[in-house]
Amino acid sequence: MLRRNIRMRREYLYRKSLEGKERLLYEKKRKIREALQEGKPIPTELRNEEAALRREIDLEDENTAVPRTHIDDEYAHAAEKDPKILLTTSRDPSAPLQQFVKELSFVFPNAQRMNRGGQVISEIIESCRAHDYTDVVLVHEHRGVPDGLIVSHLPYGPTAYFGLLNVVTRHEIKDRKAIGTMPEAYPHLIFDNFSTKLGERTANILKYLFPVPKPDTKRIVSFSNQSDYVSFRHHIYEKHGGPKSIELKEIGPRFELRLYQIKLGTVDQAEAQIEWVIRPYMNTSKKRKFLSD
């Protein structure tokens, strides 16, 4: 198993290393295609390669014209089977953190909660790969307050690091009758204001933690981005009369997420390439937003 994982990881890295060459070739073919469509002369730097490139253009179809990236490979098979998630914590978790993780295990369908104990991250990731888990979610805390969430996609990544803020669990809501019981149906997802490339990337990482719901399910999970703070809300709705009489009921938990890093690898790989990270000087640019326009 270890040799197989090493070989598959090496093949994945090799495919990723070819992306630069494929992107350069794609740009050359794009310039030739535009020149032919607009009736302009072929650029001088491409005249020696024109014949070979035109033969390749003639053989392409809509599936092969645009080069694939490692981002396509990461979630290529995500829709074929439901996600299988392992939820765990930092070592020696407090009671509030254990309660929060317990509620997260109901939020994410097909999630299994595991006591961390003395296990190291590399052992957890290796075990999850062997048992066909699709994601590992780690929750961290500071003095009993949950303050960090790591989502690591298996087998090769990516890994997203979020800060957790304003966590309110179900048991902290005093009106228990108002929130009702937690349904186990697969939820509909709402993503609001993830308009940039980084925003779409973040939405994809969160989206593939949930399986495809049935059309008539009444459970809704929403991720709403406002100034790069992603608000998580969990609702159910009921129709008492016509289509306009819909009652929306929040069932918790609720929290805010702040993305601060995405790595092209799993959480145990310290050498993995960093795709995006927030820097200290970015905090001073008040009007600049990264997840939305």
Protein backbone atom coordinates (compact mmCIF):
# COMPACT_ATOMS: atom_id res chain seq x y z
CA MET A 1 0.00 0.00 0.00
CA LEU A 2 2.81 2.41 0.87
CA ARG A 3 4.59 1.79 -2.45
CA ARG A 4 1.33 2.24 -4.33
CA ASN A 5 0.65 5.59 -2.63
CA ILE A 6 4.20 6.78 -3.37
CA ARG A 7 3.87 5.76 -7.03
CA MET A 8 0.45 7.42 -7.44
CA ARG A 9 1.70 10.59 -5.74
CA ARG A 10 4.73 10.65 -8.08
CA GLU A 11 2.46 10.25 -11.13
CA TYR A 12 0.23 13.07 -9.89
CA LEU A 13 3.21 15.40 -9.39
CA TYR A 14 4.51 14.48 -12.86
CA ARG A 15 1.14 15.36 -14.44
CA LYS A 16 1.17 18.63 -12.52
CA SER A 17 4.70 19.42 -13.79
CA LEU A 18 3.48 19.08 -17.40
CA GLU A 19 0.89 21.83 -16.97
CA GLY A 20 3.32 24.65 -17.80
CA LYS A 21 4.26 23.04 -21.13
CA GLU A 22 0.62 22.30 -21.99
CA ARG A 23 -0.39 25.87 -21.16
CA LEU A 24 2.40 27.28 -23.40
CA LEU A 25 1.29 25.01 -26.26
CA TYR A 26 -2.34 26.05 -25.72
CA GLU A 27 -1.40 29.75 -25.97
CA LYS A 28 0.46 29.14 -29.25
CA LYS A 29 -2.54 27.34 -30.75
CA ARG A 30 -4.88 30.06 -29.50
CA LYS A 31 -2.83 32.75 -31.28
CA ILE A 32 -2.86 30.78 -34.55
CA ARG A 33 -6.60 30.11 -34.26
CA GLU A 34 -7.33 33.81 -33.70
CA ALA A 35 -5.09 34.86 -36.59
CA LEU A 36 -6.89 32.47 -38.96
CA GLN A 37 -10.36 33.58 -37.82
CA GLU A 38 -9.56 37.29 -38.15
CA GLY A 39 -7.64 36.93 -41.41
CA LYS A 40 -4.43 38.31 -39.93
CA PRO A 41 -0.89 37.07 -40.70
CA ILE A 42 0.55 34.34 -38.44
CA PRO A 43 2.82 35.83 -35.72
CA THR A 44 6.46 35.67 -36.83
CA GLU A 45 7.62 33.67 -33.79
CA LEU A 46 5.15 30.87 -34.68
CA ARG A 47 5.75 30.54 -38.43
CA ASN A 48 8.22 27.66 -38.08
CA GLU A 49 5.73 25.68 -35.97
CA GLU A 50 2.58 26.67 -37.87
CA ALA A 51 2.13 23.45 -39.88
CA ALA A 52 2.47 21.14 -36.86
CA LEU A 53 0.22 23.31 -34.69
CA ARG A 54 -2.49 23.52 -37.35
CA ARG A 55 -2.53 19.72 -37.62
CA GLU A 56 -3.07 19.52 -33.85
CA ILE A 57 -5.83 22.15 -34.01
CA ASP A 58 -7.66 20.13 -36.68
CA LEU A 59 -7.63 17.03 -34.46
CA GLU A 60 -9.00 18.77 -31.35
CA ASP A 61 -12.57 18.74 -30.10
CA GLU A 62 -14.32 20.61 -27.27
CA ASN A 63 -12.96 18.17 -24.66
CA THR A 64 -9.30 18.42 -25.67
CA ALA A 65 -9.06 22.05 -26.81
CA VAL A 66 -8.64 23.45 -23.28
CA PRO A 67 -5.85 21.91 -21.18
CA ARG A 68 -6.82 20.18 -17.93
CA THR A 69 -5.19 21.18 -14.67
CA HIS A 70 -4.43 19.45 -11.38
CA ILE A 71 -7.47 21.28 -9.99
CA ASP A 72 -9.64 19.26 -12.41
CA ASP A 73 -7.97 16.03 -11.27
CA GLU A 74 -8.52 16.74 -7.57
CA TYR A 75 -12.31 16.59 -7.80
CA ALA A 76 -12.63 14.61 -11.05
CA HIS A 77 -14.44 11.69 -9.37
CA ALA A 78 -16.22 13.68 -6.65
CA ALA A 79 -19.68 13.34 -8.21
CA GLU A 80 -19.38 9.58 -8.74
CA LYS A 81 -19.74 8.68 -5.04
CA ASP A 82 -20.85 10.36 -1.85
CA PRO A 83 -18.12 11.99 0.27
CA LYS A 84 -16.84 10.11 3.30
CA ILE A 85 -15.47 12.48 5.95
CA LEU A 86 -13.38 11.93 9.07
CA LEU A 87 -13.82 14.56 11.80
CA THR A 88 -11.20 14.93 14.50
CA THR A 89 -9.70 17.56 16.80
CA SER A 90 -6.42 18.76 18.18
CA ARG A 91 -4.99 16.71 21.05
CA ASP A 92 -6.66 16.80 24.49
CA PRO A 93 -9.82 18.63 23.33
CA SER A 94 -11.97 20.58 25.78
CA ALA A 95 -15.66 19.84 26.34
CA PRO A 96 -16.85 22.81 24.17
CA LEU A 97 -14.68 21.63 21.28
CA GLN A 98 -15.99 18.06 21.58
CA GLN A 99 -19.56 19.39 21.58
CA PHE A 100 -18.88 21.51 18.48
CA VAL A 101 -17.32 18.57 16.60
CA LYS A 102 -20.29 16.40 17.58
CA GLU A 103 -22.62 18.95 15.98
CA LEU A 104 -20.42 19.16 12.88
CA SER A 105 -20.75 15.39 12.49
CA PHE A 106 -24.51 15.96 12.00
CA VAL A 107 -23.96 18.91 9.66
CA PHE A 108 -21.78 16.90 7.23
CA PRO A 109 -23.59 13.77 6.02
CA ASN A 110 -21.51 10.56 6.07
CA ALA A 111 -19.10 12.09 8.60
CA GLN A 112 -17.46 9.95 11.28
CA ARG A 113 -16.07 11.43 14.48
CA MET A 114 -12.77 10.10 15.85
CA ASN A 115 -11.06 10.77 19.16
CA ARG A 116 -7.58 12.06 18.34
CA GLY A 117 -5.76 10.44 21.26
CA GLY A 118 -2.02 10.28 20.63
CA GLN A 119 -2.19 9.75 16.88
CA VAL A 120 -0.06 11.92 14.60
CA ILE A 121 -1.49 13.53 11.47
CA SER A 122 0.48 11.34 9.03
CA GLU A 123 -0.99 8.17 10.59
CA ILE A 124 -4.51 9.55 10.36
CA ILE A 125 -4.11 10.53 6.69
CA GLU A 126 -2.58 7.15 5.79
CA SER A 127 -5.41 5.30 7.54
CA CYS A 128 -8.04 7.44 5.80
CA ARG A 129 -6.50 6.78 2.38
CA ALA A 130 -6.58 3.03 3.07
CA HIS A 131 -10.28 3.18 4.03
CA ASP A 132 -11.40 5.36 1.08
CA TYR A 133 -12.17 8.55 2.97
CA THR A 134 -12.54 11.58 0.69
CA ASP A 135 -11.85 14.35 3.24
CA VAL A 136 -10.35 14.91 6.67
CA VAL A 137 -11.67 17.84 8.76
CA LEU A 138 -9.56 18.96 11.75
CA VAL A 139 -10.93 21.43 14.31
CA HIS A 140 -8.60 23.39 16.61
CA GLU A 141 -9.24 25.53 19.67
CA HIS A 142 -7.70 28.19 21.89
CA ARG A 143 -8.60 28.07 25.58
CA GLY A 144 -11.80 26.15 24.97
CA VAL A 145 -12.96 28.29 22.04
CA PRO A 146 -12.92 26.67 18.55
CA ASP A 147 -10.71 28.90 16.41
CA GLY A 148 -9.47 26.86 13.42
CA LEU A 149 -10.82 24.49 10.77
CA ILE A 150 -8.67 22.51 8.30
CA VAL A 151 -10.27 20.74 5.32
CA SER A 152 -7.92 18.28 3.60
CA HIS A 153 -9.12 16.49 0.46
CA LEU A 154 -7.81 12.97 -0.18
CA PRO A 155 -5.81 11.39 -1.68
CA TYR A 156 -3.67 14.32 -2.95
CA GLY A 157 -5.19 17.56 -1.69
CA PRO A 158 -5.94 20.44 -1.71
CA THR A 159 -5.92 21.54 1.94
CA ALA A 160 -7.75 24.69 3.01
CA TYR A 161 -7.01 26.43 6.32
CA PHE A 162 -9.80 28.54 7.85
CA GLY A 163 -10.01 30.66 10.97
CA LEU A 164 -13.19 30.07 13.02
CA LEU A 165 -15.01 33.01 14.61
CA ASN A 166 -18.26 33.65 16.50
CA VAL A 167 -19.08 29.96 17.03
CA VAL A 168 -22.58 29.37 18.43
CA THR A 169 -23.49 25.72 18.99
CA ARG A 170 -26.99 24.28 19.23
CA HIS A 171 -26.80 23.63 22.97
CA GLU A 172 -25.98 27.32 23.55
CA ILE A 173 -29.36 28.34 22.10
CA LYS A 174 -31.75 28.45 25.05
CA ASP A 175 -35.02 28.04 23.13
CA ARG A 176 -34.73 24.33 22.34
CA LYS A 177 -38.29 24.07 20.98
CA ALA A 178 -37.59 26.79 18.40
CA ILE A 179 -34.58 25.02 16.89
CA GLY A 180 -36.17 21.55 16.82
CA THR A 181 -34.30 18.34 16.01
CA MET A 182 -31.40 17.98 13.58
CA PRO A 183 -32.52 16.30 10.31
CA GLU A 184 -30.22 13.82 8.58
CA ALA A 185 -31.40 14.45 5.01
CA TYR A 186 -28.78 15.60 2.50
CA PRO A 187 -29.01 19.42 2.40
CA HIS A 188 -29.35 21.86 -0.46
CA LEU A 189 -26.36 24.23 -0.64
CA ILE A 190 -26.40 28.00 -1.15
CA PHE A 191 -23.14 29.82 -1.96
CA ASP A 192 -23.44 33.60 -2.06
CA ASN A 193 -20.84 36.08 -3.36
CA PHE A 194 -17.97 33.74 -4.34
CA SER A 195 -17.27 35.49 -7.63
CA THR A 196 -13.47 35.53 -8.02
CA LYS A 197 -11.29 32.59 -9.06
CA LEU A 198 -10.18 32.13 -5.44
CA GLY A 199 -13.80 32.38 -4.34
CA GLU A 200 -14.85 29.63 -6.75
CA ARG A 201 -11.94 27.50 -5.55
CA THR A 202 -13.03 27.96 -1.92
CA ALA A 203 -16.66 27.19 -2.78
CA ASN A 204 -15.57 23.96 -4.52
CA ILE A 205 -13.59 22.81 -1.47
CA LEU A 206 -16.65 23.36 0.75
CA LYS A 207 -19.19 22.08 -1.78
CA TYR A 208 -17.65 18.64 -2.16
CA LEU A 209 -17.99 17.96 1.57
CA PHE A 210 -21.71 17.39 0.91
CA PRO A 211 -23.40 14.72 -1.23
CA VAL A 212 -26.01 15.45 -3.91
CA PRO A 213 -29.41 16.05 -2.20
CA LYS A 214 -32.86 14.90 -3.24
CA PRO A 215 -34.99 17.62 -4.88
CA ASP A 216 -37.64 17.61 -2.13
CA THR A 217 -35.34 17.87 0.89
CA LYS A 218 -36.20 20.72 3.28
CA ARG A 219 -32.74 21.17 4.78
CA ILE A 220 -30.58 24.10 3.64
CA VAL A 221 -26.92 24.88 4.35
CA SER A 222 -25.73 28.34 3.28
CA PHE A 223 -22.27 29.85 2.94
CA SER A 224 -22.50 33.63 2.51
CA ASN A 225 -19.36 35.66 1.85
CA GLN A 226 -19.15 39.22 3.10
CA SER A 227 -15.76 41.00 3.00
CA ASP A 228 -13.95 37.61 2.90
CA TYR A 229 -15.74 36.38 6.03
CA VAL A 230 -17.88 33.33 5.15
CA SER A 231 -20.99 33.00 7.32
CA PHE A 232 -22.25 29.44 7.82
CA ARG A 233 -25.97 29.04 8.53
CA HIS A 234 -28.10 25.92 8.81
CA HIS A 235 -31.88 26.03 8.22
CA ILE A 236 -34.93 23.94 7.50
CA TYR A 237 -38.04 25.30 5.82
CA GLU A 238 -41.71 24.35 6.02
CA LYS A 239 -44.59 25.10 3.66
CA HIS A 240 -47.80 25.66 5.60
CA GLY A 241 -49.94 26.90 2.71
CA GLY A 242 -49.18 28.09 -0.80
CA PRO A 243 -45.73 28.58 -2.34
CA LYS A 244 -45.39 32.05 -0.74
CA SER A 245 -46.04 30.89 2.84
CA ILE A 246 -42.65 29.44 3.71
CA GLU A 247 -41.35 29.40 7.27
CA LEU A 248 -37.56 29.33 7.67
CA LYS A 249 -36.20 27.93 10.94
CA GLU A 250 -32.53 28.07 11.96
CA ILE A 251 -31.36 24.83 13.59
CA GLY A 252 -27.67 25.65 14.20
CA PRO A 253 -24.79 25.60 14.65
CA ARG A 254 -23.57 28.93 13.25
CA PHE A 255 -20.07 30.31 12.75
CA GLU A 256 -17.87 32.46 10.51
CA LEU A 257 -14.95 31.20 8.41
CA ARG A 258 -11.92 33.23 7.29
CA LEU A 259 -9.73 31.58 4.66
CA TYR A 260 -6.03 32.15 5.21
CA GLN A 261 -4.24 29.44 3.20
CA ILE A 262 -4.69 26.81 0.46
CA LYS A 263 -2.01 24.16 -0.08
CA LEU A 264 -1.64 21.81 -3.07
CA GLY A 265 -1.29 18.70 -0.94
CA THR A 266 -2.64 16.96 2.13
CA VAL A 267 -2.34 18.34 5.64
CA ASP A 268 0.56 16.01 6.56
CA GLN A 269 2.80 17.25 3.70
CA ALA A 270 4.85 20.14 5.03
CA GLU A 271 6.66 20.41 1.69
CA ALA A 272 3.43 20.87 -0.32
CA GLN A 273 3.28 23.90 -2.62
CA ILE A 274 1.22 26.84 -1.32
CA GLU A 275 -1.45 27.91 -3.80
CA TRP A 276 -2.61 31.00 -1.88
CA VAL A 277 -1.86 32.48 1.53
CA ILE A 278 -2.92 35.71 3.21
CA ARG A 279 0.03 37.94 4.09
CA PRO A 280 0.30 40.55 6.86
CA TYR A 281 0.36 43.44 4.38
CA MET A 282 -2.94 42.23 2.89
CA ASN A 283 -4.71 43.15 6.13
CA THR A 284 -3.98 46.83 5.56
CA SER A 285 -5.75 46.95 2.19
CA LYS A 286 -9.22 47.50 3.63
CA LYS A 287 -11.10 47.77 0.37
CA ARG A 288 -9.49 44.79 -1.34
CA LYS A 289 -11.50 41.56 -1.32
CA PHE A 290 -10.16 38.16 -2.41
CA LEU A 291 -13.23 35.90 -2.53
CA SER A 292 -15.55 38.35 -4.28
CA ASP A 293 -15.37 41.34 -6.64
